[in-house]
Amino acid sequence: MLFVGYAVTGLRRHELLDLRMDQRNQQVRVIIPQNDPLTKRTYVTFYNEEFEEELTVWIKLKKDSDRLFPIRGSHKSTLFRVAHHKTGLHITPQTLRFWFANEMARLGVPDRFIDAFQGRIPRSVLARHYTDYSLENLKQIYDKANLKVL
């Protein structure tokens, strides 16, 4: 499920694993990750029906926690090593983030919006004010791309 989550959101490893329940809006299928001003910037991203179905099952199974994926810190880095060992495929959150960007570009999404989904909003006043980065516009662009993983 995590692999699909990374592929459809374009989030960084810690952004998805540290996601709290209140940072997700199920009706809009939007994720607003916590901003870490010391390192990377974040904005908003969306997810599709594939991931929504898996999340619905996961939320019913997980124990009470305010975090969507209540995984202890020591286990976060081993998740992907175990998956690599079991499958023989070397897939990482960075690989899936790269796939997300390339697939969205292939589907016709302009680079500036792919950057926004991945937390790279321009800092210049000109770039911010002459591109519509509203939640509604970004949702429309994401839905129009119709990104599919499986």
Protein backbone atom coordinates (compact mmCIF):
# COMPACT_ATOMS: atom_id res chain seq x y z
CA MET A 1 0.00 0.00 0.00
CA LEU A 2 2.81 2.43 0.82
CA PHE A 3 4.32 1.93 -2.63
CA VAL A 4 1.03 2.97 -4.26
CA GLY A 5 0.84 5.94 -1.89
CA TYR A 6 4.27 7.18 -2.91
CA ALA A 7 3.54 6.61 -6.59
CA VAL A 8 0.26 8.56 -6.65
CA THR A 9 1.25 11.43 -4.35
CA GLY A 10 4.87 12.17 -5.19
CA LEU A 11 5.58 12.74 -1.49
CA ARG A 12 8.97 12.37 0.16
CA ARG A 13 9.54 9.35 2.43
CA HIS A 14 9.00 11.18 5.72
CA GLU A 15 6.05 13.19 4.39
CA LEU A 16 3.93 10.08 3.83
CA LEU A 17 5.16 8.05 6.81
CA ASP A 18 4.71 10.95 9.25
CA LEU A 19 1.27 11.90 7.93
CA ARG A 20 -1.35 12.56 10.59
CA MET A 21 -5.02 11.75 10.10
CA ASP A 22 -5.96 15.44 10.18
CA GLN A 23 -3.62 16.19 7.25
CA ARG A 24 -5.84 14.23 4.88
CA ASN A 25 -9.22 15.26 3.52
CA GLN A 26 -11.04 12.17 2.30
CA GLN A 27 -13.80 14.05 0.44
CA VAL A 28 -11.34 15.97 -1.74
CA ARG A 29 -8.61 13.26 -1.58
CA VAL A 30 -6.04 15.90 -0.69
CA ILE A 31 -2.99 15.58 1.54
CA ILE A 32 -1.50 18.60 3.23
CA PRO A 33 1.78 17.39 4.74
CA GLN A 34 3.46 19.07 7.69
CA ASN A 35 5.94 21.71 6.62
CA ASP A 36 9.46 21.31 7.99
CA PRO A 37 10.93 24.80 7.50
CA LEU A 38 14.45 23.66 8.37
CA THR A 39 14.78 21.33 5.41
CA LYS A 40 12.24 20.89 2.62
CA ARG A 41 9.16 22.82 1.63
CA THR A 42 5.77 21.19 1.20
CA TYR A 43 2.50 22.23 -0.36
CA VAL A 44 -0.46 19.99 -1.16
CA THR A 45 -0.87 16.85 -3.17
CA PHE A 46 -3.71 14.55 -4.05
CA TYR A 47 -4.31 10.84 -4.37
CA ASN A 48 -6.50 8.73 -6.60
CA GLU A 49 -9.21 6.09 -6.11
CA GLU A 50 -6.65 3.25 -6.05
CA PHE A 51 -4.97 4.62 -2.96
CA GLU A 52 -8.29 5.67 -1.40
CA GLU A 53 -9.53 2.07 -1.50
CA GLU A 54 -6.36 0.79 0.14
CA LEU A 55 -6.45 3.55 2.76
CA THR A 56 -10.03 2.70 3.68
CA VAL A 57 -9.04 -0.90 4.40
CA TRP A 58 -5.86 0.18 6.22
CA ILE A 59 -7.65 2.66 8.50
CA LYS A 60 -10.10 -0.06 9.57
CA LEU A 61 -7.19 -2.38 10.45
CA LYS A 62 -4.80 0.02 12.15
CA LYS A 63 -4.79 0.64 15.87
CA ASP A 64 -5.92 3.92 17.36
CA SER A 65 -3.40 6.58 16.48
CA ASP A 66 -3.45 10.14 15.23
CA ARG A 67 -0.91 9.11 12.58
CA LEU A 68 -2.04 7.48 9.37
CA PHE A 69 0.93 5.10 9.41
CA PRO A 70 1.91 4.55 13.05
CA ILE A 71 5.31 3.08 12.29
CA ARG A 72 8.11 3.52 14.81
CA GLY A 73 11.17 5.42 13.65
CA SER A 74 13.47 2.40 13.70
CA HIS A 75 11.14 0.46 11.41
CA LYS A 76 10.73 3.20 8.79
CA SER A 77 14.06 2.56 7.11
CA THR A 78 13.72 -1.22 7.21
CA LEU A 79 10.37 -1.30 5.40
CA PHE A 80 11.96 -0.82 2.02
CA ARG A 81 14.85 -3.20 2.68
CA VAL A 82 12.39 -5.95 3.63
CA ALA A 83 10.33 -5.26 0.49
CA HIS A 84 13.52 -5.40 -1.60
CA HIS A 85 14.52 -8.69 0.02
CA LYS A 86 11.08 -10.25 -0.55
CA THR A 87 10.54 -9.05 -4.11
CA GLY A 88 14.03 -8.57 -5.49
CA LEU A 89 12.95 -5.13 -6.73
CA HIS A 90 14.85 -2.09 -5.54
CA ILE A 91 12.01 0.41 -5.22
CA THR A 92 12.37 3.35 -2.87
CA PRO A 93 10.22 6.38 -2.10
CA GLN A 94 12.69 8.42 -4.17
CA THR A 95 12.23 6.07 -7.13
CA LEU A 96 8.46 6.39 -6.87
CA ARG A 97 8.71 10.18 -6.50
CA PHE A 98 10.73 10.25 -9.72
CA TRP A 99 8.17 7.96 -11.39
CA PHE A 100 5.34 10.26 -10.26
CA ALA A 101 7.00 13.31 -11.82
CA ASN A 102 7.73 11.52 -15.10
CA GLU A 103 4.29 9.93 -15.35
CA MET A 104 2.50 13.21 -14.65
CA ALA A 105 4.63 14.90 -17.33
CA ARG A 106 3.79 12.08 -19.76
CA LEU A 107 0.10 12.66 -18.97
CA GLY A 108 0.47 16.32 -19.95
CA VAL A 109 0.71 18.04 -16.57
CA PRO A 110 2.90 21.18 -16.79
CA ASP A 111 6.13 21.11 -14.77
CA ARG A 112 5.10 23.97 -12.48
CA PHE A 113 2.13 21.95 -11.21
CA ILE A 114 4.18 18.76 -10.80
CA ASP A 115 6.58 20.87 -8.75
CA ALA A 116 3.67 22.09 -6.61
CA PHE A 117 2.46 18.52 -5.98
CA GLN A 118 5.98 17.65 -4.84
CA GLY A 119 6.36 20.70 -2.59
CA ARG A 120 8.39 22.93 -4.87
CA ILE A 121 6.39 26.14 -5.04
CA PRO A 122 8.36 29.01 -6.58
CA ARG A 123 9.54 31.66 -4.19
CA SER A 124 9.46 34.56 -6.62
CA VAL A 125 6.47 36.87 -6.38
CA LEU A 126 6.03 36.85 -10.15
CA ALA A 127 5.86 33.05 -10.40
CA ARG A 128 3.53 32.68 -7.40
CA HIS A 129 1.07 35.36 -8.47
CA TYR A 130 0.79 34.47 -12.15
CA THR A 131 0.12 30.77 -11.71
CA ASP A 132 -3.06 29.53 -10.09
CA TYR A 133 -1.94 27.28 -7.22
CA SER A 134 -5.39 27.18 -5.62
CA LEU A 135 -6.58 23.90 -4.18
CA GLU A 136 -9.45 23.75 -6.68
CA ASN A 137 -7.20 24.28 -9.70
CA LEU A 138 -4.60 21.77 -8.52
CA LYS A 139 -7.34 19.20 -7.85
CA GLN A 140 -8.74 19.70 -11.34
CA ILE A 141 -5.28 19.25 -12.89
CA TYR A 142 -4.57 16.13 -10.83
CA ASP A 143 -7.94 14.55 -11.68
CA LYS A 144 -7.60 15.39 -15.37
CA ALA A 145 -4.25 13.56 -15.50
CA ASN A 146 -6.04 10.40 -14.28
CA LEU A 147 -2.87 8.85 -12.85
CA LYS A 148 -3.04 5.05 -12.50
CA VAL A 149 -0.48 2.74 -10.93
CA LEU A 150 -2.08 -0.70 -11.00
